[in-house]
Amino acid sequence: MIIFDLACVHDHTFEGWFASQAAFESQLEDGLISCPHCGSAEVRRVPSAVHLAKPANTPLVAQATPADPKTGLLDAFRRLMSTIVANSEDVGREFAEEARKIHYLEAPARSIRGEASVEEFEALREEGIEILLLPTIKKENLN
């Protein structure tokens, strides 16, 4: 399964889930993809504000191994957070502004992370900007 961020000719943004790149292209060519907001079949892919890039030939998350049920989830969470940090740029308090720039193609598409208030988070979602809210956990609270 592959997920693409899409936009119609009227700049309504939405996402589409496809079996493959070829399935997306085939459905687009056949006019089977339309905007859920206005019904327009003039659809194009747009850069995703939330995209975790990974170095070539490197798995995004380490291969799962059997773990103690009590510590397995915590270890998996730690690995996930480490991977996100290693593969994204920290833009700090400028997150909302930078996410908008990337979404509106005013800045290069890249993986970013940072801080946003609840109001900024909601405003980004209302604009159709796909973002992922992750908890901030202090190291001493991980036990």
C-alpha atoms as a PDB file:
ATOM      1  CA  MET A   1       0.000   0.000   0.000  1.00  0.00           C
ATOM      2  CA  ILE A   2       1.253   3.470  -0.909  1.00  0.00           C
ATOM      3  CA  ILE A   3      -0.245   6.784   0.212  1.00  0.00           C
ATOM      4  CA  PHE A   4       0.006   9.930  -1.925  1.00  0.00           C
ATOM      5  CA  ASP A   5      -0.917  13.489  -1.062  1.00  0.00           C
ATOM      6  CA  LEU A   6      -3.082  14.807  -3.879  1.00  0.00           C
ATOM      7  CA  ALA A   7      -4.663  18.096  -4.919  1.00  0.00           C
ATOM      8  CA  CYS A   8      -7.267  19.031  -7.482  1.00  0.00           C
ATOM      9  CA  VAL A   9      -7.228  21.935  -9.924  1.00  0.00           C
ATOM     10  CA  HIS A  10      -8.924  24.040  -7.202  1.00  0.00           C
ATOM     11  CA  ASP A  11      -6.101  23.238  -4.731  1.00  0.00           C
ATOM     12  CA  HIS A  12      -8.270  21.089  -2.464  1.00  0.00           C
ATOM     13  CA  THR A  13      -5.867  18.653  -0.826  1.00  0.00           C
ATOM     14  CA  PHE A  14      -6.569  15.044   0.108  1.00  0.00           C
ATOM     15  CA  GLU A  15      -4.780  11.726   0.253  1.00  0.00           C
ATOM     16  CA  GLY A  16      -5.165   8.606  -1.824  1.00  0.00           C
ATOM     17  CA  TRP A  17      -4.241   5.029  -0.967  1.00  0.00           C
ATOM     18  CA  PHE A  18      -3.070   2.802  -3.803  1.00  0.00           C
ATOM     19  CA  ALA A  19      -1.738  -0.708  -4.232  1.00  0.00           C
ATOM     20  CA  SER A  20       1.288   0.654  -6.120  1.00  0.00           C
ATOM     21  CA  GLN A  21       2.651   3.578  -8.126  1.00  0.00           C
ATOM     22  CA  ALA A  22       1.413   1.832 -11.274  1.00  0.00           C
ATOM     23  CA  ALA A  23      -2.099   1.487  -9.804  1.00  0.00           C
ATOM     24  CA  PHE A  24      -2.136   5.231  -9.033  1.00  0.00           C
ATOM     25  CA  GLU A  25      -0.989   6.143 -12.548  1.00  0.00           C
ATOM     26  CA  SER A  26      -3.519   3.794 -14.150  1.00  0.00           C
ATOM     27  CA  GLN A  27      -6.414   5.141 -12.082  1.00  0.00           C
ATOM     28  CA  LEU A  28      -5.344   8.724 -12.749  1.00  0.00           C
ATOM     29  CA  GLU A  29      -5.123   8.085 -16.504  1.00  0.00           C
ATOM     30  CA  ASP A  30      -8.570   6.429 -16.493  1.00  0.00           C
ATOM     31  CA  GLY A  31     -10.123   9.377 -14.638  1.00  0.00           C
ATOM     32  CA  LEU A  32     -11.010   7.227 -11.632  1.00  0.00           C
ATOM     33  CA  ILE A  33      -9.551   9.605  -9.043  1.00  0.00           C
ATOM     34  CA  SER A  34     -11.581  12.663  -8.098  1.00  0.00           C
ATOM     35  CA  CYS A  35     -11.489  15.335  -5.433  1.00  0.00           C
ATOM     36  CA  PRO A  36     -13.722  14.464  -2.473  1.00  0.00           C
ATOM     37  CA  HIS A  37     -14.402  18.194  -1.941  1.00  0.00           C
ATOM     38  CA  CYS A  38     -15.524  19.282  -5.416  1.00  0.00           C
ATOM     39  CA  GLY A  39     -15.505  16.144  -7.584  1.00  0.00           C
ATOM     40  CA  SER A  40     -12.870  17.437 -10.019  1.00  0.00           C
ATOM     41  CA  ALA A  41     -10.993  14.685 -11.867  1.00  0.00           C
ATOM     42  CA  GLU A  42      -8.072  17.061 -12.581  1.00  0.00           C
ATOM     43  CA  VAL A  43      -5.830  15.664  -9.854  1.00  0.00           C
ATOM     44  CA  ARG A  44      -2.081  15.829  -9.269  1.00  0.00           C
ATOM     45  CA  ARG A  45       0.383  14.629  -6.647  1.00  0.00           C
ATOM     46  CA  VAL A  46       1.725  17.240  -4.222  1.00  0.00           C
ATOM     47  CA  PRO A  47       4.649  17.062  -1.778  1.00  0.00           C
ATOM     48  CA  SER A  48       3.850  15.676   1.632  1.00  0.00           C
ATOM     49  CA  ALA A  49       4.640  17.828   4.663  1.00  0.00           C
ATOM     50  CA  VAL A  50       5.156  14.704   6.697  1.00  0.00           C
ATOM     51  CA  HIS A  51       7.530  12.387   4.952  1.00  0.00           C
ATOM     52  CA  LEU A  52      10.259  10.441   6.635  1.00  0.00           C
ATOM     53  CA  ALA A  53      13.071  10.067   4.181  1.00  0.00           C
ATOM     54  CA  LYS A  54      15.565   7.294   4.716  1.00  0.00           C
ATOM     55  CA  PRO A  55      19.023   6.733   3.307  1.00  0.00           C
ATOM     56  CA  ALA A  56      19.117   4.329   0.365  1.00  0.00           C
ATOM     57  CA  ASN A  57      19.173   0.643   1.317  1.00  0.00           C
ATOM     58  CA  THR A  58      18.511   1.447   4.978  1.00  0.00           C
ATOM     59  CA  PRO A  59      15.349   0.180   6.661  1.00  0.00           C
ATOM     60  CA  LEU A  60      13.313   2.911   8.330  1.00  0.00           C
ATOM     61  CA  VAL A  61      12.790   0.759  11.424  1.00  0.00           C
ATOM     62  CA  ALA A  62      15.061  -2.045  12.511  1.00  0.00           C
ATOM     63  CA  GLN A  63      13.802  -5.555  11.857  1.00  0.00           C
ATOM     64  CA  ALA A  64      11.470  -6.696  14.617  1.00  0.00           C
ATOM     65  CA  THR A  65      12.768  -9.374  16.943  1.00  0.00           C
ATOM     66  CA  PRO A  66      10.845 -11.203  19.653  1.00  0.00           C
ATOM     67  CA  ALA A  67      10.938  -9.116  22.803  1.00  0.00           C
ATOM     68  CA  ASP A  68       9.788  -9.222  26.373  1.00  0.00           C
ATOM     69  CA  PRO A  69       6.152  -8.001  26.288  1.00  0.00           C
ATOM     70  CA  LYS A  70       6.856  -5.583  29.137  1.00  0.00           C
ATOM     71  CA  THR A  71       9.740  -3.840  27.378  1.00  0.00           C
ATOM     72  CA  GLY A  72       9.086  -4.608  23.704  1.00  0.00           C
ATOM     73  CA  LEU A  73       6.742  -1.699  23.020  1.00  0.00           C
ATOM     74  CA  LEU A  74       8.950   0.778  24.823  1.00  0.00           C
ATOM     75  CA  ASP A  75      12.015  -0.412  22.906  1.00  0.00           C
ATOM     76  CA  ALA A  76      10.100  -0.195  19.611  1.00  0.00           C
ATOM     77  CA  PHE A  77       8.956   3.330  20.516  1.00  0.00           C
ATOM     78  CA  ARG A  78      12.516   4.382  21.345  1.00  0.00           C
ATOM     79  CA  ARG A  79      13.774   3.001  17.995  1.00  0.00           C
ATOM     80  CA  LEU A  80      10.969   4.757  16.122  1.00  0.00           C
ATOM     81  CA  MET A  81      11.684   8.095  17.810  1.00  0.00           C
ATOM     82  CA  SER A  82      15.423   7.708  17.156  1.00  0.00           C
ATOM     83  CA  THR A  83      14.720   7.029  13.480  1.00  0.00           C
ATOM     84  CA  ILE A  84      12.452  10.066  13.202  1.00  0.00           C
ATOM     85  CA  VAL A  85      15.041  12.308  14.841  1.00  0.00           C
ATOM     86  CA  ALA A  86      17.865  10.949  12.668  1.00  0.00           C
ATOM     87  CA  ASN A  87      15.903  11.423   9.430  1.00  0.00           C
ATOM     88  CA  SER A  88      14.296  14.824   9.926  1.00  0.00           C
ATOM     89  CA  GLU A  89      15.283  18.437  10.386  1.00  0.00           C
ATOM     90  CA  ASP A  90      14.402  20.116  13.690  1.00  0.00           C
ATOM     91  CA  VAL A  91      12.800  23.474  12.873  1.00  0.00           C
ATOM     92  CA  GLY A  92      11.793  24.144  16.495  1.00  0.00           C
ATOM     93  CA  ARG A  93       9.040  26.715  17.070  1.00  0.00           C
ATOM     94  CA  GLU A  94       8.982  27.514  13.332  1.00  0.00           C
ATOM     95  CA  PHE A  95       7.275  24.164  12.606  1.00  0.00           C
ATOM     96  CA  ALA A  96       3.872  25.539  11.558  1.00  0.00           C
ATOM     97  CA  GLU A  97       5.408  28.200   9.304  1.00  0.00           C
ATOM     98  CA  GLU A  98       7.863  25.756   7.700  1.00  0.00           C
ATOM     99  CA  ALA A  99       5.167  23.083   7.209  1.00  0.00           C
ATOM    100  CA  ARG A 100       3.055  25.642   5.340  1.00  0.00           C
ATOM    101  CA  LYS A 101       6.010  26.672   3.161  1.00  0.00           C
ATOM    102  CA  ILE A 102       6.642  23.039   2.225  1.00  0.00           C
ATOM    103  CA  HIS A 103       2.938  22.365   1.629  1.00  0.00           C
ATOM    104  CA  TYR A 104       2.563  25.406  -0.633  1.00  0.00           C
ATOM    105  CA  LEU A 105       5.820  24.569  -2.463  1.00  0.00           C
ATOM    106  CA  GLU A 106       7.590  27.687  -1.136  1.00  0.00           C
ATOM    107  CA  ALA A 107      10.348  25.603   0.474  1.00  0.00           C
ATOM    108  CA  PRO A 108      12.037  22.339  -0.501  1.00  0.00           C
ATOM    109  CA  ALA A 109      10.144  19.166   0.386  1.00  0.00           C
ATOM    110  CA  ARG A 110      11.842  17.453   3.299  1.00  0.00           C
ATOM    111  CA  SER A 111      11.128  15.753   6.600  1.00  0.00           C
ATOM    112  CA  ILE A 112      10.771  18.218   9.445  1.00  0.00           C
ATOM    113  CA  ARG A 113       9.940  18.072  13.129  1.00  0.00           C
ATOM    114  CA  GLY A 114       9.392  20.747  15.717  1.00  0.00           C
ATOM    115  CA  GLU A 115       6.934  22.291  18.104  1.00  0.00           C
ATOM    116  CA  ALA A 116       3.441  23.642  17.510  1.00  0.00           C
ATOM    117  CA  SER A 117       0.683  24.799  19.813  1.00  0.00           C
ATOM    118  CA  VAL A 118      -2.686  23.049  19.807  1.00  0.00           C
ATOM    119  CA  GLU A 119      -4.080  26.030  17.869  1.00  0.00           C
ATOM    120  CA  GLU A 120      -1.287  25.831  15.252  1.00  0.00           C
ATOM    121  CA  PHE A 121      -1.808  22.064  14.934  1.00  0.00           C
ATOM    122  CA  GLU A 122      -5.544  22.502  14.342  1.00  0.00           C
ATOM    123  CA  ALA A 123      -4.969  25.331  11.851  1.00  0.00           C
ATOM    124  CA  LEU A 124      -2.538  23.187   9.846  1.00  0.00           C
ATOM    125  CA  ARG A 125      -5.047  20.303   9.774  1.00  0.00           C
ATOM    126  CA  GLU A 126      -7.838  22.677   8.686  1.00  0.00           C
ATOM    127  CA  GLU A 127      -5.634  23.812   5.795  1.00  0.00           C
ATOM    128  CA  GLY A 128      -5.290  20.196   4.710  1.00  0.00           C
ATOM    129  CA  ILE A 129      -1.641  19.950   5.733  1.00  0.00           C
ATOM    130  CA  GLU A 130      -0.892  16.399   6.840  1.00  0.00           C
ATOM    131  CA  ILE A 131       1.094  16.372  10.064  1.00  0.00           C
ATOM    132  CA  LEU A 132       1.688  13.829  12.774  1.00  0.00           C
ATOM    133  CA  LEU A 133       1.413  14.766  16.425  1.00  0.00           C
ATOM    134  CA  LEU A 134       3.983  12.897  18.506  1.00  0.00           C
ATOM    135  CA  PRO A 135       4.276  13.000  22.275  1.00  0.00           C
ATOM    136  CA  THR A 136       7.203  14.696  23.924  1.00  0.00           C
ATOM    137  CA  ILE A 137       8.514  12.313  26.539  1.00  0.00           C
ATOM    138  CA  LYS A 138      11.321  13.154  28.882  1.00  0.00           C
ATOM    139  CA  LYS A 139      14.011  10.505  29.183  1.00  0.00           C
ATOM    140  CA  GLU A 140      13.393  10.092  32.917  1.00  0.00           C
ATOM    141  CA  ASN A 141       9.715   9.240  32.206  1.00  0.00           C
ATOM    142  CA  LEU A 142      10.536   6.320  29.885  1.00  0.00           C
ATOM    143  CA  ASN A 143      10.802   3.826  32.767  1.00  0.00           C
END
